[in-house]
Structures are given as structure tokens and as C-alpha cells.
């Protein structure tokens, strides 16, 4: 299942694995939307194989629940705290530019 996660994560510049009722997932999606980022989301609670994907992600991020799990440029960046740390530190925009998720 980890290979499926990596394959899904490689399909777009920014891929978020989340849950439709997760407030932290909403916060990350809102941040990216306000930044003009083109992203896609895989809602695990709506995926028939979501529990398997969730277990694979938990192993990758080292926590449960593992959402939101954010991949930028096909690489796991982390969960909400890692995304916000990068954003506050001024490192998120260059990472997004490098992945082709934003142009400005």
C-alpha cells in the first residue's frame, strides 16, 4: 500500500491525504488555496481502501491519525505542523515553486 501512496503522491505537484471531517486538513487546504496552489486531495474516509492507505501513511509520518499528510513534488513533507513551520519560516513558497505548484 505504501507504493500506492507514493504513486498517488507523484501524480500532482501537491497532494494532500486527508479526511473530509478533519479541521487540520481543512486548514492546510485553505492555506494552499489562499496561496494560489494547485493541489489535489485524497479523502481517506471516502476511499474504499482508505483504512489501508491510512495505515501506510501512519508508518510514513510516524503518528496516528496520519492526516493531513502532505506531499510536495512527490516527496512527503509532513503533517500540519511541518507545513505551518515551513510557511512561518519562509521555506514553503520556495518548495512549492520548485515543485511547480505556484509560479509567483
C-alpha atoms as a PDB file:
ATOM      1  CA  UNK A   1       0.000   0.000   0.000  1.00  0.00           C
ATOM      2  CA  UNK A   2       2.946   2.362   0.576  1.00  0.00           C
ATOM      3  CA  UNK A   3       3.741   2.059  -3.133  1.00  0.00           C
ATOM      4  CA  UNK A   4       0.175   3.115  -3.980  1.00  0.00           C
ATOM      5  CA  UNK A   5       0.562   6.136  -1.689  1.00  0.00           C
ATOM      6  CA  UNK A   6       3.817   7.107  -3.400  1.00  0.00           C
ATOM      7  CA  UNK A   7       2.234   6.656  -6.834  1.00  0.00           C
ATOM      8  CA  UNK A   8      -0.785   8.813  -5.908  1.00  0.00           C
ATOM      9  CA  UNK A   9       1.530  11.420  -4.375  1.00  0.00           C
ATOM     10  CA  UNK A  10       3.524  11.653  -7.592  1.00  0.00           C
ATOM     11  CA  UNK A  11       0.519  12.499  -9.771  1.00  0.00           C
ATOM     12  CA  UNK A  12       0.333  16.226  -8.888  1.00  0.00           C
ATOM     13  CA  UNK A  13       2.684  18.882  -7.512  1.00  0.00           C
ATOM     14  CA  UNK A  14       0.797  18.998  -4.190  1.00  0.00           C
ATOM     15  CA  UNK A  15      -1.120  16.007  -2.892  1.00  0.00           C
ATOM     16  CA  UNK A  16      -2.936  16.002   0.438  1.00  0.00           C
ATOM     17  CA  UNK A  17      -4.150  12.822   2.078  1.00  0.00           C
ATOM     18  CA  UNK A  18      -6.908  13.834   4.458  1.00  0.00           C
ATOM     19  CA  UNK A  19     -10.356  13.201   5.810  1.00  0.00           C
ATOM     20  CA  UNK A  20     -13.456  15.188   4.914  1.00  0.00           C
ATOM     21  CA  UNK A  21     -14.248  15.966   8.564  1.00  0.00           C
ATOM     22  CA  UNK A  22     -10.681  16.866   9.655  1.00  0.00           C
ATOM     23  CA  UNK A  23     -10.267  20.505  10.703  1.00  0.00           C
ATOM     24  CA  UNK A  24      -6.470  20.396  10.265  1.00  0.00           C
ATOM     25  CA  UNK A  25      -6.941  19.075   6.730  1.00  0.00           C
ATOM     26  CA  UNK A  26      -9.284  21.983   6.068  1.00  0.00           C
ATOM     27  CA  UNK A  27      -6.696  24.429   7.437  1.00  0.00           C
ATOM     28  CA  UNK A  28      -3.958  23.084   5.141  1.00  0.00           C
ATOM     29  CA  UNK A  29      -6.248  23.096   2.090  1.00  0.00           C
ATOM     30  CA  UNK A  30      -7.315  26.668   2.898  1.00  0.00           C
ATOM     31  CA  UNK A  31      -3.695  27.812   3.259  1.00  0.00           C
ATOM     32  CA  UNK A  32      -2.759  26.314  -0.094  1.00  0.00           C
ATOM     33  CA  UNK A  33      -5.857  27.732  -1.793  1.00  0.00           C
ATOM     34  CA  UNK A  34      -5.121  31.226  -0.465  1.00  0.00           C
ATOM     35  CA  UNK A  35      -1.548  30.899  -1.746  1.00  0.00           C
ATOM     36  CA  UNK A  36      -2.832  30.005  -5.219  1.00  0.00           C
ATOM     37  CA  UNK A  37      -1.504  26.457  -5.063  1.00  0.00           C
ATOM     38  CA  UNK A  38      -2.912  23.825  -7.384  1.00  0.00           C
ATOM     39  CA  UNK A  39      -3.480  20.800  -5.145  1.00  0.00           C
ATOM     40  CA  UNK A  40      -5.426  17.576  -5.069  1.00  0.00           C
ATOM     41  CA  UNK A  41      -6.799  15.714  -2.083  1.00  0.00           C
ATOM     42  CA  UNK A  42      -7.457  12.056  -1.373  1.00  0.00           C
ATOM     43  CA  UNK A  43     -10.154  11.868   1.306  1.00  0.00           C
ATOM     44  CA  UNK A  44      -9.438   8.608   3.115  1.00  0.00           C
ATOM     45  CA  UNK A  45     -12.890   8.424   4.693  1.00  0.00           C
ATOM     46  CA  UNK A  46     -14.398   8.350   1.185  1.00  0.00           C
ATOM     47  CA  UNK A  47     -11.965   5.807  -0.267  1.00  0.00           C
ATOM     48  CA  UNK A  48     -12.913   2.107  -0.056  1.00  0.00           C
ATOM     49  CA  UNK A  49      -9.225   1.367   0.611  1.00  0.00           C
ATOM     50  CA  UNK A  50      -8.846   4.359   2.909  1.00  0.00           C
ATOM     51  CA  UNK A  51      -8.053   2.367   6.060  1.00  0.00           C
ATOM     52  CA  UNK A  52      -5.198   0.588   4.270  1.00  0.00           C
ATOM     53  CA  UNK A  53      -3.861   3.904   2.961  1.00  0.00           C
ATOM     54  CA  UNK A  54      -4.205   5.384   6.457  1.00  0.00           C
ATOM     55  CA  UNK A  55      -2.092   2.565   7.943  1.00  0.00           C
ATOM     56  CA  UNK A  56       0.589   3.072   5.285  1.00  0.00           C
ATOM     57  CA  UNK A  57       0.627   6.823   5.921  1.00  0.00           C
ATOM     58  CA  UNK A  58       0.836   6.291   9.688  1.00  0.00           C
ATOM     59  CA  UNK A  59       4.049   4.362   9.126  1.00  0.00           C
ATOM     60  CA  UNK A  60       5.396   7.117   6.893  1.00  0.00           C
ATOM     61  CA  UNK A  61       4.588  10.084   9.142  1.00  0.00           C
ATOM     62  CA  UNK A  62       5.093   8.265  12.426  1.00  0.00           C
ATOM     63  CA  UNK A  63       1.760   9.055  14.021  1.00  0.00           C
ATOM     64  CA  UNK A  64      -1.916   8.189  14.116  1.00  0.00           C
ATOM     65  CA  UNK A  65      -4.021   9.703  12.738  1.00  0.00           C
ATOM     66  CA  UNK A  66      -1.654  10.491   9.887  1.00  0.00           C
ATOM     67  CA  UNK A  67      -3.800  13.167   8.237  1.00  0.00           C
ATOM     68  CA  UNK A  68      -3.275  15.566   6.758  1.00  0.00           C
ATOM     69  CA  UNK A  69      -0.230  14.067   5.106  1.00  0.00           C
ATOM     70  CA  UNK A  70       1.148  16.490   2.528  1.00  0.00           C
ATOM     71  CA  UNK A  71       3.371  15.580  -0.391  1.00  0.00           C
ATOM     72  CA  UNK A  72       5.044  18.304  -2.438  1.00  0.00           C
ATOM     73  CA  UNK A  73       6.811  17.331  -5.629  1.00  0.00           C
ATOM     74  CA  UNK A  74       6.159  13.676  -4.832  1.00  0.00           C
ATOM     75  CA  UNK A  75       8.039  13.936  -1.532  1.00  0.00           C
ATOM     76  CA  UNK A  76       6.433  13.606   1.898  1.00  0.00           C
ATOM     77  CA  UNK A  77       6.718  16.961   3.644  1.00  0.00           C
ATOM     78  CA  UNK A  78       4.630  16.019   6.670  1.00  0.00           C
ATOM     79  CA  UNK A  79       1.543  16.956   8.576  1.00  0.00           C
ATOM     80  CA  UNK A  80       0.040  20.294   9.558  1.00  0.00           C
ATOM     81  CA  UNK A  81       2.801  21.231  11.986  1.00  0.00           C
ATOM     82  CA  UNK A  82       5.549  20.695   9.400  1.00  0.00           C
ATOM     83  CA  UNK A  83       3.615  22.662   6.758  1.00  0.00           C
ATOM     84  CA  UNK A  84       2.987  25.573   9.133  1.00  0.00           C
ATOM     85  CA  UNK A  85       6.604  25.560  10.329  1.00  0.00           C
ATOM     86  CA  UNK A  86       7.805  25.789   6.719  1.00  0.00           C
ATOM     87  CA  UNK A  87       5.276  28.529   5.996  1.00  0.00           C
ATOM     88  CA  UNK A  88       6.185  30.670   9.010  1.00  0.00           C
ATOM     89  CA  UNK A  89       9.891  30.139   8.303  1.00  0.00           C
ATOM     90  CA  UNK A  90       9.548  31.320   4.701  1.00  0.00           C
ATOM     91  CA  UNK A  91      10.538  27.937   3.287  1.00  0.00           C
ATOM     92  CA  UNK A  92       7.157  26.768   1.967  1.00  0.00           C
ATOM     93  CA  UNK A  93       6.895  29.107  -1.032  1.00  0.00           C
ATOM     94  CA  UNK A  94      10.314  28.136  -2.472  1.00  0.00           C
ATOM     95  CA  UNK A  95       9.433  24.462  -2.022  1.00  0.00           C
ATOM     96  CA  UNK A  96       6.121  24.998  -3.833  1.00  0.00           C
ATOM     97  CA  UNK A  97       7.835  26.932  -6.626  1.00  0.00           C
ATOM     98  CA  UNK A  98      10.410  24.192  -7.086  1.00  0.00           C
ATOM     99  CA  UNK A  99       7.594  21.625  -7.422  1.00  0.00           C
ATOM    100  CA  UNK A 100       5.759  23.795  -9.965  1.00  0.00           C
ATOM    101  CA  UNK A 101       2.738  24.273  -7.691  1.00  0.00           C
ATOM    102  CA  UNK A 102       2.936  28.082  -7.818  1.00  0.00           C
ATOM    103  CA  UNK A 103       4.612  30.485 -10.198  1.00  0.00           C
ATOM    104  CA  UNK A 104       4.973  33.751  -8.285  1.00  0.00           C
END
